Amino acid sequence: MQIGLAVGDVRGPTTLATVVDQVRQAADSGFATAWASQALGWDALTALAVAGAATDIAVGTAVVPVPQRHPMMLAGQALTVQAAVAGRLTLGVGAGIGAMVSGIFGLPTDRPVQRVREYLSILGPLLRGNSVDHRGETHTAVGAVMIPGGQPAPPVLLAALGPRMLQLAGELTDGTATWMVGPKTLAEHVVPVITKAAADAGKASPRIVAGLPVCVTDTVDDVRARIAEQFALAAQVPEYRATLDREGAAGPQDVAIVGTDTEVAQALTRFEAAGATEFMAAPYGTTAEQNRTISLLAELNHAAER
């Protein structure tokens, strides 16, 4: 299981210069990928284009919500980043949190699987440099996106938690990226469903990127209390609530990886045993806590490579 490092807003408010430094640190420390998540701060793809062009590390989004971005616009943006980072981008996308999509952007959230299916059927050909002529129930797209240097097409991952979305991910993408999902849910639900869907579609075994806050600390209760407060939304919205219930967790504080060096290392082995092919660690806490966490993760990463 490869270990990648989350950068940007998920680690706290940050400047663009700090995002660049975080990506450089990930590269210098030997991590597989630097991952950026799209929220309401920095544009994840733009930040990765700036930071990734200055390093040789693979970069990825985990994830970019797609309802507010037409597939032709996202294809153009993703291929621009692909050109900027010399073919090292993984494009993670998702349907977005329904309450935010409707409440903030005023966009429809009905038929999410149908919407994402049509979106991916447009996005895939565009990323490969082909033209599309799609006039469907939820999307219309006609034309092509030509970005010199944007090939090969970046791999696409789909954030998926429910069975129908996981089946779609296995059928139409290269894998899935999860957030706030524990090892029990991965092993018993995510991995079997997406793996079967990929096999039924005649595709290779999917990439399964598991993302969680990680903190190496001697004050576990304090850190878990802070995580519960900072990520409280995840315990409330249906998209995450169902997965937390499946894991038997009250909230994100119960699935986050928090503990001593030994406890964190043991927790990561459980994710590998559950079928995660990659782990996206989001270092949590103060600068000192994050640096301690990154140091351990780098050691574990190097040990796995030996």
Protein backbone atom coordinates (compact mmCIF):
# COMPACT_ATOMS: atom_id res chain seq x y z
CA MET A 1 0.00 0.00 0.00
CA GLN A 2 1.46 3.33 -1.07
CA ILE A 3 1.21 6.30 1.28
CA GLY A 4 0.42 9.74 -0.10
CA LEU A 5 0.16 13.04 1.71
CA ALA A 6 -2.78 15.45 1.70
CA VAL A 7 -1.93 19.12 1.19
CA GLY A 8 -3.83 22.37 1.41
CA ASP A 9 -7.04 23.30 3.19
CA VAL A 10 -7.74 19.91 4.74
CA ARG A 11 -4.71 20.53 6.97
CA GLY A 12 -5.93 23.96 8.02
CA PRO A 13 -5.98 27.50 6.58
CA THR A 14 -2.94 27.98 4.39
CA THR A 15 -1.33 30.28 1.85
CA LEU A 16 -0.43 29.20 -1.68
CA ALA A 17 3.24 29.35 -0.72
CA THR A 18 2.54 26.89 2.09
CA VAL A 19 0.73 24.55 -0.29
CA VAL A 20 3.80 24.61 -2.52
CA ASP A 21 6.00 23.88 0.51
CA GLN A 22 3.74 21.00 1.56
CA VAL A 23 3.98 19.44 -1.90
CA ARG A 24 7.77 19.87 -1.86
CA GLN A 25 7.94 18.27 1.58
CA ALA A 26 5.88 15.33 0.34
CA ALA A 27 8.25 14.90 -2.62
CA ASP A 28 11.40 15.27 -0.55
CA SER A 29 10.09 12.80 2.05
CA GLY A 30 9.44 10.12 -0.56
CA PHE A 31 5.64 10.00 -0.49
CA ALA A 32 3.90 8.50 -3.51
CA THR A 33 1.43 11.31 -4.21
CA ALA A 34 0.47 14.78 -3.01
CA TRP A 35 -3.33 14.98 -2.82
CA ALA A 36 -5.49 18.11 -2.73
CA SER A 37 -9.18 18.22 -1.86
CA GLN A 38 -11.63 20.77 -3.22
CA ALA A 39 -13.63 22.59 -0.58
CA LEU A 40 -14.42 26.31 -0.40
CA GLY A 41 -10.84 27.54 -0.31
CA TRP A 42 -8.03 27.02 -2.79
CA ASP A 43 -8.94 25.59 -6.16
CA ALA A 44 -7.38 22.14 -5.88
CA LEU A 45 -6.41 21.72 -9.52
CA THR A 46 -4.92 25.19 -9.87
CA ALA A 47 -2.91 24.74 -6.67
CA LEU A 48 -1.59 21.39 -7.90
CA ALA A 49 -0.59 22.90 -11.24
CA VAL A 50 1.47 25.54 -9.44
CA ALA A 51 2.96 23.26 -6.80
CA GLY A 52 3.31 20.11 -8.89
CA ALA A 53 5.20 21.83 -11.68
CA ALA A 54 8.00 22.59 -9.22
CA THR A 55 8.52 18.94 -8.19
CA ASP A 56 8.53 15.45 -9.66
CA ILE A 57 5.93 13.94 -7.32
CA ALA A 58 2.63 12.54 -8.59
CA VAL A 59 -0.33 14.75 -7.71
CA GLY A 60 -4.03 14.08 -7.42
CA THR A 61 -7.38 15.51 -6.44
CA ALA A 62 -9.37 13.68 -3.80
CA VAL A 63 -11.73 14.99 -4.81
CA VAL A 64 -13.20 17.71 -7.04
CA PRO A 65 -17.03 17.88 -6.80
CA VAL A 66 -18.40 17.98 -10.33
CA PRO A 67 -21.95 19.45 -10.20
CA GLN A 68 -20.68 23.04 -10.39
CA ARG A 69 -18.20 22.31 -13.22
CA HIS A 70 -19.38 21.40 -16.71
CA PRO A 71 -17.46 18.31 -17.92
CA MET A 72 -15.91 20.20 -20.84
CA MET A 73 -14.63 22.86 -18.44
CA LEU A 74 -13.26 20.27 -16.02
CA ALA A 75 -11.62 18.35 -18.86
CA GLY A 76 -9.87 21.51 -20.03
CA GLN A 77 -8.72 22.33 -16.53
CA ALA A 78 -7.53 18.79 -15.78
CA LEU A 79 -5.61 18.50 -19.05
CA THR A 80 -4.01 21.87 -18.40
CA VAL A 81 -2.77 20.54 -15.06
CA GLN A 82 -1.68 17.30 -16.73
CA ALA A 83 0.47 19.32 -19.10
CA ALA A 84 1.86 21.44 -16.26
CA VAL A 85 2.93 18.40 -14.20
CA ALA A 86 4.21 16.36 -17.16
CA GLY A 87 1.60 13.61 -16.97
CA ARG A 88 1.61 13.01 -13.20
CA LEU A 89 -2.04 13.87 -12.41
CA THR A 90 -4.75 11.62 -11.03
CA LEU A 91 -8.17 13.24 -11.30
CA GLY A 92 -10.46 12.33 -8.43
CA VAL A 93 -14.05 13.51 -8.83
CA GLY A 94 -17.26 13.16 -6.88
CA ALA A 95 -20.94 14.03 -6.82
CA GLY A 96 -20.40 16.40 -3.89
CA ILE A 97 -22.27 16.67 -0.61
CA GLY A 98 -25.91 17.14 -1.53
CA ALA A 99 -26.65 19.77 1.11
CA MET A 100 -23.77 21.90 -0.15
CA VAL A 101 -24.53 21.41 -3.85
CA SER A 102 -28.13 22.54 -3.39
CA GLY A 103 -27.71 24.95 -0.48
CA ILE A 104 -24.65 26.84 -1.71
CA PHE A 105 -24.85 26.54 -5.49
CA GLY A 106 -28.59 26.05 -5.96
CA LEU A 107 -28.00 23.04 -8.18
CA PRO A 108 -30.14 19.90 -8.44
CA THR A 109 -29.12 16.80 -6.51
CA ASP A 110 -31.73 14.32 -7.69
CA ARG A 111 -30.64 11.17 -9.57
CA PRO A 112 -26.99 11.43 -8.48
CA VAL A 113 -25.95 8.13 -10.09
CA GLN A 114 -27.53 9.08 -13.42
CA ARG A 115 -25.91 12.50 -13.30
CA VAL A 116 -22.47 11.08 -12.54
CA ARG A 117 -22.84 8.34 -15.17
CA GLU A 118 -23.56 10.92 -17.87
CA TYR A 119 -20.81 13.19 -16.57
CA LEU A 120 -18.20 10.42 -16.73
CA SER A 121 -19.35 9.30 -20.17
CA ILE A 122 -18.56 12.84 -21.36
CA LEU A 123 -15.44 13.44 -19.30
CA GLY A 124 -13.63 10.22 -20.26
CA PRO A 125 -13.54 10.79 -24.04
CA LEU A 126 -12.66 14.46 -23.59
CA LEU A 127 -9.69 13.57 -21.38
CA ARG A 128 -8.50 11.15 -24.07
CA GLY A 129 -8.60 13.94 -26.68
CA ASN A 130 -11.78 12.79 -28.39
CA SER A 131 -14.85 14.82 -29.34
CA VAL A 132 -18.26 14.25 -27.79
CA ASP A 133 -21.83 14.79 -28.88
CA HIS A 134 -23.87 14.04 -25.79
CA ARG A 135 -27.46 15.23 -25.30
CA GLY A 136 -28.71 13.32 -22.29
CA GLU A 137 -31.21 13.64 -19.48
CA THR A 138 -28.90 15.60 -17.21
CA HIS A 139 -26.02 16.87 -19.35
CA THR A 140 -25.34 18.26 -22.80
CA ALA A 141 -21.84 18.52 -24.23
CA VAL A 142 -20.77 18.94 -27.85
CA GLY A 143 -17.19 19.38 -29.00
CA ALA A 144 -13.66 18.59 -27.91
CA VAL A 145 -10.95 19.97 -25.65
CA MET A 146 -7.51 20.27 -27.22
CA ILE A 147 -4.61 20.85 -24.81
CA PRO A 148 -1.12 20.34 -26.26
CA GLY A 149 0.88 18.29 -23.77
CA GLY A 150 -2.24 17.14 -21.95
CA GLN A 151 -1.85 13.50 -22.87
CA PRO A 152 -1.87 10.78 -21.75
CA ALA A 153 -5.25 11.17 -20.15
CA PRO A 154 -5.03 11.27 -16.36
CA PRO A 155 -6.50 8.31 -14.46
CA VAL A 156 -9.91 9.10 -13.00
CA LEU A 157 -11.12 8.09 -9.55
CA LEU A 158 -14.69 8.46 -8.33
CA ALA A 159 -15.57 9.18 -4.71
CA ALA A 160 -18.10 6.45 -3.98
CA LEU A 161 -19.73 5.18 -0.80
CA GLY A 162 -23.10 3.72 -1.79
CA PRO A 163 -23.33 0.45 -3.73
CA ARG A 164 -24.62 1.98 -6.98
CA MET A 165 -21.93 4.66 -7.04
CA LEU A 166 -19.27 2.05 -6.26
CA GLN A 167 -20.54 -0.07 -9.14
CA LEU A 168 -20.32 2.97 -11.40
CA ALA A 169 -16.77 3.65 -10.21
CA GLY A 170 -15.74 0.10 -11.04
CA GLU A 171 -17.40 0.23 -14.43
CA LEU A 172 -16.31 3.65 -15.72
CA THR A 173 -13.25 4.79 -13.77
CA ASP A 174 -9.89 3.58 -12.52
CA GLY A 175 -10.95 3.30 -8.90
CA THR A 176 -12.28 5.19 -5.91
CA ALA A 177 -11.11 7.70 -3.34
CA THR A 178 -12.77 7.54 0.07
CA TRP A 179 -12.81 9.94 3.00
CA MET A 180 -13.78 9.14 6.59
CA VAL A 181 -14.16 5.44 5.77
CA GLY A 182 -12.77 2.86 8.18
CA PRO A 183 -11.14 -0.50 7.45
CA LYS A 184 -14.24 -2.57 8.28
CA THR A 185 -16.32 -0.71 5.71
CA LEU A 186 -13.53 -0.94 3.14
CA ALA A 187 -13.11 -4.69 3.58
CA GLU A 188 -16.79 -5.62 3.77
CA HIS A 189 -18.36 -3.09 1.42
CA VAL A 190 -16.18 -0.80 -0.70
CA VAL A 191 -13.54 -3.23 -1.94
CA PRO A 192 -15.83 -6.16 -2.84
CA VAL A 193 -18.41 -4.02 -4.65
CA ILE A 194 -16.01 -1.96 -6.75
CA THR A 195 -13.73 -4.92 -7.48
CA LYS A 196 -16.62 -7.02 -8.77
CA ALA A 197 -17.92 -4.14 -10.88
CA ALA A 198 -14.49 -3.64 -12.45
CA ALA A 199 -14.14 -7.36 -13.16
CA ASP A 200 -17.62 -7.52 -14.70
CA ALA A 201 -16.61 -4.61 -16.97
CA GLY A 202 -13.43 -6.43 -18.00
CA LYS A 203 -11.20 -3.89 -16.29
CA ALA A 204 -8.08 -4.22 -14.15
CA SER A 205 -8.31 -4.26 -10.37
CA PRO A 206 -9.30 -0.78 -9.22
CA ARG A 207 -7.21 1.69 -7.30
CA ILE A 208 -8.64 2.20 -3.84
CA VAL A 209 -7.39 5.35 -2.13
CA ALA A 210 -8.42 5.60 1.51
CA GLY A 211 -8.16 9.05 3.08
CA LEU A 212 -8.27 9.99 6.76
CA PRO A 213 -6.90 12.52 9.22
CA VAL A 214 -3.79 11.12 10.91
CA CYS A 215 -2.11 12.38 14.07
CA VAL A 216 0.79 10.87 15.99
CA THR A 217 0.28 12.03 19.55
CA ASP A 218 0.43 11.13 23.23
CA THR A 219 -2.79 13.06 23.96
CA VAL A 220 -5.28 10.95 22.05
CA ASP A 221 -8.46 12.15 23.73
CA ASP A 222 -7.62 15.80 23.13
CA VAL A 223 -6.87 15.24 19.44
CA ARG A 224 -10.01 13.17 18.88
CA ALA A 225 -12.10 15.91 20.51
CA ARG A 226 -10.59 18.49 18.14
CA ILE A 227 -11.24 16.26 15.12
CA ALA A 228 -14.85 15.78 16.21
CA GLU A 229 -15.31 19.56 16.29
CA GLN A 230 -13.45 20.40 13.07
CA PHE A 231 -15.05 17.67 10.97
CA ALA A 232 -18.48 17.74 12.63
CA LEU A 233 -20.24 18.05 9.26
CA ALA A 234 -19.18 14.53 8.35
CA ALA A 235 -21.20 13.13 11.25
CA GLN A 236 -24.35 14.90 10.06
CA VAL A 237 -24.68 14.63 6.28
CA PRO A 238 -26.25 11.44 4.88
CA GLU A 239 -23.32 10.68 2.58
CA TYR A 240 -20.93 10.14 5.49
CA ARG A 241 -23.44 9.25 8.19
CA ALA A 242 -24.34 5.96 6.49
CA THR A 243 -20.69 4.97 6.21
CA LEU A 244 -19.90 5.92 9.80
CA ASP A 245 -22.87 3.84 10.95
CA ARG A 246 -21.62 0.90 8.92
CA GLU A 247 -18.27 1.25 10.71
CA GLY A 248 -19.95 1.56 14.12
CA ALA A 249 -18.49 5.05 14.58
CA ALA A 250 -20.16 7.98 16.30
CA GLY A 251 -18.25 10.47 14.20
CA PRO A 252 -15.05 11.20 12.28
CA GLN A 253 -13.06 11.17 15.53
CA ASP A 254 -13.66 7.42 15.73
CA VAL A 255 -12.32 6.56 12.28
CA ALA A 256 -9.41 9.03 12.24
CA ILE A 257 -6.03 7.45 12.90
CA VAL A 258 -4.79 8.88 16.20
CA GLY A 259 -2.25 7.47 18.61
CA THR A 260 1.37 6.68 19.31
CA ASP A 261 3.85 5.68 16.61
CA THR A 262 3.04 2.02 17.16
CA GLU A 263 -0.72 2.55 17.19
CA VAL A 264 -0.68 4.57 13.97
CA ALA A 265 1.52 2.00 12.23
CA GLN A 266 -0.82 -0.80 13.31
CA ALA A 267 -3.85 1.13 12.09
CA LEU A 268 -2.31 1.55 8.64
CA THR A 269 -1.69 -2.18 8.35
CA ARG A 270 -5.42 -2.71 8.88
CA PHE A 271 -6.18 -0.51 5.87
CA GLU A 272 -3.75 -2.46 3.72
CA ALA A 273 -5.33 -5.73 4.87
CA ALA A 274 -8.76 -4.28 4.05
CA GLY A 275 -7.74 -3.82 0.42
CA ALA A 276 -6.63 -0.19 0.18
CA THR A 277 -4.04 0.16 -2.57
CA GLU A 278 -3.12 3.70 -1.49
CA PHE A 279 -3.56 5.70 1.67
CA MET A 280 -4.04 9.47 1.68
CA ALA A 281 -2.85 10.72 5.04
CA ALA A 282 -4.07 14.15 6.07
CA PRO A 283 -1.65 15.22 8.85
CA TYR A 284 -3.76 16.73 11.61
CA GLY A 285 -3.13 19.26 14.34
CA THR A 286 -0.56 21.88 15.20
CA THR A 287 2.58 22.33 13.13
CA ALA A 288 4.49 20.21 15.65
CA GLU A 289 1.86 17.47 15.56
CA GLN A 290 1.80 17.46 11.78
CA ASN A 291 5.59 17.31 11.53
CA ARG A 292 5.73 14.40 13.98
CA THR A 293 3.06 12.61 11.97
CA ILE A 294 4.79 13.20 8.64
CA SER A 295 8.08 11.94 10.06
CA LEU A 296 6.52 8.62 11.10
CA LEU A 297 4.60 8.23 7.84
CA ALA A 298 7.79 8.83 5.86
CA GLU A 299 9.58 6.14 7.89
CA LEU A 300 6.76 3.67 7.28
CA ASN A 301 6.76 4.52 3.60
CA HIS A 302 10.50 3.94 3.28
CA ALA A 303 10.27 0.68 5.23
CA ALA A 304 7.55 -0.60 2.90
CA GLU A 305 9.73 0.14 -0.13
CA ARG A 306 12.69 -1.83 1.21
